[in-house]
Amino acid sequence: MNRHVIVSVALALALASGTAIAGANDYRFEPAAKPQKAQDGKSLVAVRLVHLPDKKPIPGAVIIQTRADMGPTGMSEMTAPVQATGEAEPGVYRFEIQPGMAGPWALTLAAKVQGEPETVRGSVTVELAK
């Protein structure tokens, strides 16, 4: 049996049994708190990863990609270094961003969520100070 037939049969069985099929679009990144300015010129940003169907935060995700840019102001070529610093609490992920200027910044993230075969991707806009 080829892979496409197996996937189609599994999908049909799941639908017939009433089992929900999750996907990467069932998740969203959202700001968890107002960004804080650190003494070294960095901004500390907290972002919550939420499972949309039940509105619960998702702990234990592995952040595999980060990018901060000024896309919200039409300057997506202006980027800033981003460093993930771990979970502040279950489902809330912290980042240090070193912006070159104050203003609205897009923090774009990609994460692997346990049990989810697709990469979860999203972006939040945060107001950062210089």
Protein backbone atom coordinates (compact mmCIF):
# COMPACT_ATOMS: atom_id res chain seq x y z
CA MET A 1 0.00 0.00 0.00
CA ASN A 2 1.49 3.36 -0.89
CA ARG A 3 1.86 6.24 1.58
CA HIS A 4 -0.97 8.34 0.07
CA VAL A 5 -3.47 5.51 0.44
CA ILE A 6 -2.41 4.92 4.06
CA VAL A 7 -2.75 8.63 4.89
CA SER A 8 -6.15 8.78 3.17
CA VAL A 9 -7.40 5.72 5.07
CA ALA A 10 -6.12 7.14 8.39
CA LEU A 11 -7.81 10.47 7.67
CA ALA A 12 -11.11 8.77 6.78
CA LEU A 13 -10.99 6.66 9.96
CA ALA A 14 -10.24 9.70 12.11
CA LEU A 15 -13.09 11.67 10.57
CA ALA A 16 -15.51 8.76 10.92
CA SER A 17 -14.61 8.28 14.58
CA GLY A 18 -15.03 11.97 15.36
CA THR A 19 -11.35 12.37 16.26
CA ALA A 20 -10.13 15.93 15.78
CA ILE A 21 -7.16 16.36 13.52
CA ALA A 22 -4.83 19.06 14.76
CA GLY A 23 -2.49 21.05 12.60
CA ALA A 24 0.08 23.81 12.87
CA ASN A 25 -2.69 26.36 12.23
CA ASP A 26 -4.29 25.35 15.55
CA TYR A 27 -1.62 27.34 17.42
CA ARG A 28 -0.87 31.03 17.83
CA PHE A 29 1.92 33.09 19.35
CA GLU A 30 0.70 36.11 21.33
CA PRO A 31 2.35 38.69 23.58
CA ALA A 32 2.30 37.54 27.21
CA ALA A 33 3.37 40.84 28.79
CA LYS A 34 4.56 44.31 27.88
CA PRO A 35 8.24 44.20 26.75
CA GLN A 36 10.70 45.26 29.43
CA LYS A 37 13.84 47.29 28.75
CA ALA A 38 17.03 45.84 30.21
CA GLN A 39 19.98 47.96 31.34
CA ASP A 40 22.19 46.72 28.48
CA GLY A 41 19.90 48.16 25.77
CA LYS A 42 18.14 44.87 25.14
CA SER A 43 14.41 44.36 25.36
CA LEU A 44 12.96 41.39 27.21
CA VAL A 45 9.92 39.96 25.44
CA ALA A 46 7.57 37.24 26.70
CA VAL A 47 5.42 35.36 24.17
CA ARG A 48 2.73 32.78 24.91
CA LEU A 49 2.11 29.82 22.58
CA VAL A 50 -1.60 28.95 22.68
CA HIS A 51 -3.54 25.96 21.36
CA LEU A 52 -6.54 27.72 19.78
CA PRO A 53 -9.25 25.04 20.14
CA ASP A 54 -8.96 24.94 23.95
CA LYS A 55 -7.12 28.27 24.56
CA LYS A 56 -4.49 26.50 26.68
CA PRO A 57 -0.80 27.50 26.73
CA ILE A 58 1.58 24.92 25.23
CA PRO A 59 4.63 24.17 27.40
CA GLY A 60 7.75 22.40 26.22
CA ALA A 61 7.82 23.68 22.64
CA VAL A 62 11.27 23.90 21.07
CA ILE A 63 11.88 27.27 19.43
CA ILE A 64 13.82 26.49 16.26
CA GLN A 65 13.82 29.86 14.50
CA THR A 66 13.64 33.51 15.55
CA ARG A 67 13.72 36.79 13.66
CA ALA A 68 13.08 40.36 14.75
CA ASP A 69 12.55 43.05 12.12
CA MET A 70 10.83 46.38 11.66
CA GLY A 71 8.38 45.03 9.08
CA PRO A 72 5.42 46.71 10.83
CA THR A 73 6.89 50.08 9.79
CA GLY A 74 7.80 48.96 6.27
CA MET A 75 11.48 48.37 7.12
CA SER A 76 11.68 44.57 7.16
CA GLU A 77 15.35 44.77 6.11
CA MET A 78 16.15 46.28 9.55
CA THR A 79 16.73 43.29 11.80
CA ALA A 80 17.89 42.83 15.38
CA PRO A 81 19.66 39.99 17.18
CA VAL A 82 17.28 37.69 19.10
CA GLN A 83 18.17 35.18 21.78
CA ALA A 84 15.68 32.70 23.23
CA THR A 85 16.12 32.47 27.01
CA GLY A 86 13.68 29.67 27.88
CA GLU A 87 10.23 29.40 29.40
CA ALA A 88 9.22 31.97 32.04
CA GLU A 89 6.30 29.74 33.01
CA PRO A 90 4.66 26.83 31.18
CA GLY A 91 3.79 27.99 27.67
CA VAL A 92 5.42 31.43 27.99
CA TYR A 93 8.71 31.82 26.11
CA ARG A 94 11.23 34.61 26.75
CA PHE A 95 13.44 36.39 24.26
CA GLU A 96 16.12 39.07 24.43
CA ILE A 97 16.05 41.43 21.45
CA GLN A 98 18.69 44.09 20.83
CA PRO A 99 16.86 46.67 18.68
CA GLY A 100 18.74 49.30 16.71
CA MET A 101 15.93 51.77 17.23
CA ALA A 102 12.69 52.16 19.13
CA GLY A 103 9.36 51.33 17.54
CA PRO A 104 7.14 48.43 16.53
CA TRP A 105 9.04 45.24 15.79
CA ALA A 106 7.81 41.91 14.40
CA LEU A 107 9.09 38.88 16.29
CA THR A 108 8.68 35.92 13.97
CA LEU A 109 9.00 32.45 15.50
CA ALA A 110 8.99 28.81 14.46
CA ALA A 111 8.58 26.02 17.00
CA LYS A 112 8.28 22.28 17.25
CA VAL A 113 5.38 21.19 19.46
CA GLN A 114 5.31 17.68 20.90
CA GLY A 115 2.90 15.49 18.94
CA GLU A 116 2.53 18.02 16.10
CA PRO A 117 4.23 16.85 12.88
CA GLU A 118 4.22 20.33 11.30
CA THR A 119 6.33 23.27 12.42
CA VAL A 120 4.26 25.93 14.17
CA ARG A 121 5.00 29.40 12.81
CA GLY A 122 3.78 32.81 13.85
CA SER A 123 4.59 36.43 14.46
CA VAL A 124 3.79 39.00 17.15
CA THR A 125 4.26 42.75 16.97
CA VAL A 126 5.88 44.33 20.01
CA GLU A 127 6.77 47.94 20.81
CA LEU A 128 10.45 48.06 21.77
CA ALA A 129 12.48 50.88 23.32
CA LYS A 130 16.04 51.70 22.26
